[in-house]
């Protein structure tokens, strides 16, 4: 059976509608992924540099090339910095002077 011009036009319009819908869905998803979550802000360069300084003070060395301990060493430094921040927060709530250095953590 031979397709008529009207059938081909309907098929083309259906395909264009589906393509437009797919494009709209993917662009909406991409925008949602790129948008910051409510209540958060984009970090400034100074904040990132401060965080890196804290991690380095806690023992992380970003200049090590192909580090076989990569995930573990930065996670350990992040844990130490988080413990330091928690201690500072607790000290400020209790009215005690806040700690100014990284707390000593026992090595395993």
Protein backbone atom coordinates (compact mmCIF):
# COMPACT_ATOMS: atom_id res chain seq x y z
CA UNK A 1 0.00 0.00 0.00
CA UNK A 2 1.39 3.34 -1.02
CA UNK A 3 1.62 6.09 1.63
CA UNK A 4 -0.01 9.34 0.79
CA UNK A 5 1.40 12.79 1.31
CA UNK A 6 -0.94 13.33 4.29
CA UNK A 7 0.27 10.12 5.98
CA UNK A 8 3.90 11.17 5.58
CA UNK A 9 3.13 14.64 6.95
CA UNK A 10 1.44 13.12 10.01
CA UNK A 11 4.42 10.81 10.54
CA UNK A 12 6.87 13.70 10.26
CA UNK A 13 4.90 15.86 12.66
CA UNK A 14 4.70 12.99 15.15
CA UNK A 15 8.46 12.44 14.94
CA UNK A 16 9.12 16.17 15.37
CA UNK A 17 6.78 16.29 18.37
CA UNK A 18 8.56 13.34 20.00
CA UNK A 19 11.98 14.85 19.32
CA UNK A 20 10.86 18.19 20.78
CA UNK A 21 9.48 16.47 23.86
CA UNK A 22 12.70 14.51 24.35
CA UNK A 23 14.76 17.68 23.96
CA UNK A 24 12.58 19.53 26.46
CA UNK A 25 12.84 16.72 29.01
CA UNK A 26 16.62 16.42 28.71
CA UNK A 27 17.17 20.18 28.85
CA UNK A 28 14.96 20.43 31.95
CA UNK A 29 16.90 17.59 33.57
CA UNK A 30 20.25 19.19 32.68
CA UNK A 31 19.13 22.51 34.14
CA UNK A 32 17.98 20.81 37.34
CA UNK A 33 21.33 19.04 37.66
CA UNK A 34 23.29 22.25 37.10
CA UNK A 35 21.21 24.41 39.44
CA UNK A 36 22.43 24.73 43.01
CA UNK A 37 20.17 23.26 45.64
CA UNK A 38 18.10 25.71 47.69
CA UNK A 39 19.98 27.10 50.66
CA UNK A 40 23.42 26.47 49.19
CA UNK A 41 25.70 28.98 47.56
CA UNK A 42 28.47 28.73 45.03
CA UNK A 43 31.86 28.56 46.74
CA UNK A 44 34.21 31.47 46.27
CA UNK A 45 37.87 31.03 45.41
CA UNK A 46 38.80 32.19 48.92
CA UNK A 47 36.56 29.53 50.50
CA UNK A 48 38.09 26.79 48.34
CA UNK A 49 41.62 27.96 49.15
CA UNK A 50 40.77 28.05 52.88
CA UNK A 51 39.42 24.50 52.69
CA UNK A 52 42.57 23.32 50.90
CA UNK A 53 44.75 25.00 53.55
CA UNK A 54 42.80 23.20 56.29
CA UNK A 55 43.18 19.86 54.50
CA UNK A 56 46.91 20.40 54.05
CA UNK A 57 47.23 21.30 57.76
CA UNK A 58 45.45 18.02 58.53
CA UNK A 59 48.04 16.05 56.57
CA UNK A 60 46.74 15.95 52.99
CA UNK A 61 49.37 16.59 50.32
CA UNK A 62 47.80 17.42 46.94
CA UNK A 63 51.19 17.68 45.23
CA UNK A 64 51.83 13.95 45.44
CA UNK A 65 51.63 12.69 41.87
CA UNK A 66 50.09 9.29 41.26
CA UNK A 67 49.15 8.67 44.89
CA UNK A 68 48.06 5.08 45.55
CA UNK A 69 46.39 6.24 48.80
CA UNK A 70 44.39 9.02 47.11
CA UNK A 71 40.86 8.46 48.31
CA UNK A 72 41.90 7.38 51.80
CA UNK A 73 44.32 10.24 52.49
CA UNK A 74 41.95 13.07 51.57
CA UNK A 75 39.07 11.37 53.38
CA UNK A 76 41.21 11.12 56.51
CA UNK A 77 42.13 14.80 56.25
CA UNK A 78 38.45 15.71 55.74
CA UNK A 79 37.55 13.67 58.83
CA UNK A 80 40.19 15.52 60.87
CA UNK A 81 38.98 18.91 59.64
CA UNK A 82 35.35 17.95 60.40
CA UNK A 83 36.40 16.89 63.92
CA UNK A 84 38.22 20.20 64.37
CA UNK A 85 35.15 22.15 63.23
CA UNK A 86 32.92 20.11 65.56
CA UNK A 87 35.28 20.79 68.46
CA UNK A 88 35.30 24.51 67.63
CA UNK A 89 31.50 24.53 67.41
CA UNK A 90 31.14 22.72 70.73
CA UNK A 91 33.66 25.03 72.37
CA UNK A 92 31.85 28.13 71.15
CA UNK A 93 28.52 26.77 72.41
CA UNK A 94 30.07 25.94 75.81
CA UNK A 95 31.75 29.35 76.01
CA UNK A 96 35.25 27.89 76.02
CA UNK A 97 38.03 29.16 73.76
CA UNK A 98 37.93 27.44 70.38
CA UNK A 99 40.74 25.16 69.25
CA UNK A 100 42.99 26.80 66.69
CA UNK A 101 44.76 23.75 65.31
CA UNK A 102 43.92 20.30 64.04
CA UNK A 103 43.31 17.88 66.92
CA UNK A 104 45.71 14.99 67.20
CA UNK A 105 44.11 11.81 65.91
CA UNK A 106 45.48 8.38 66.74
CA UNK A 107 46.88 6.58 63.72
CA UNK A 108 45.71 3.10 62.94
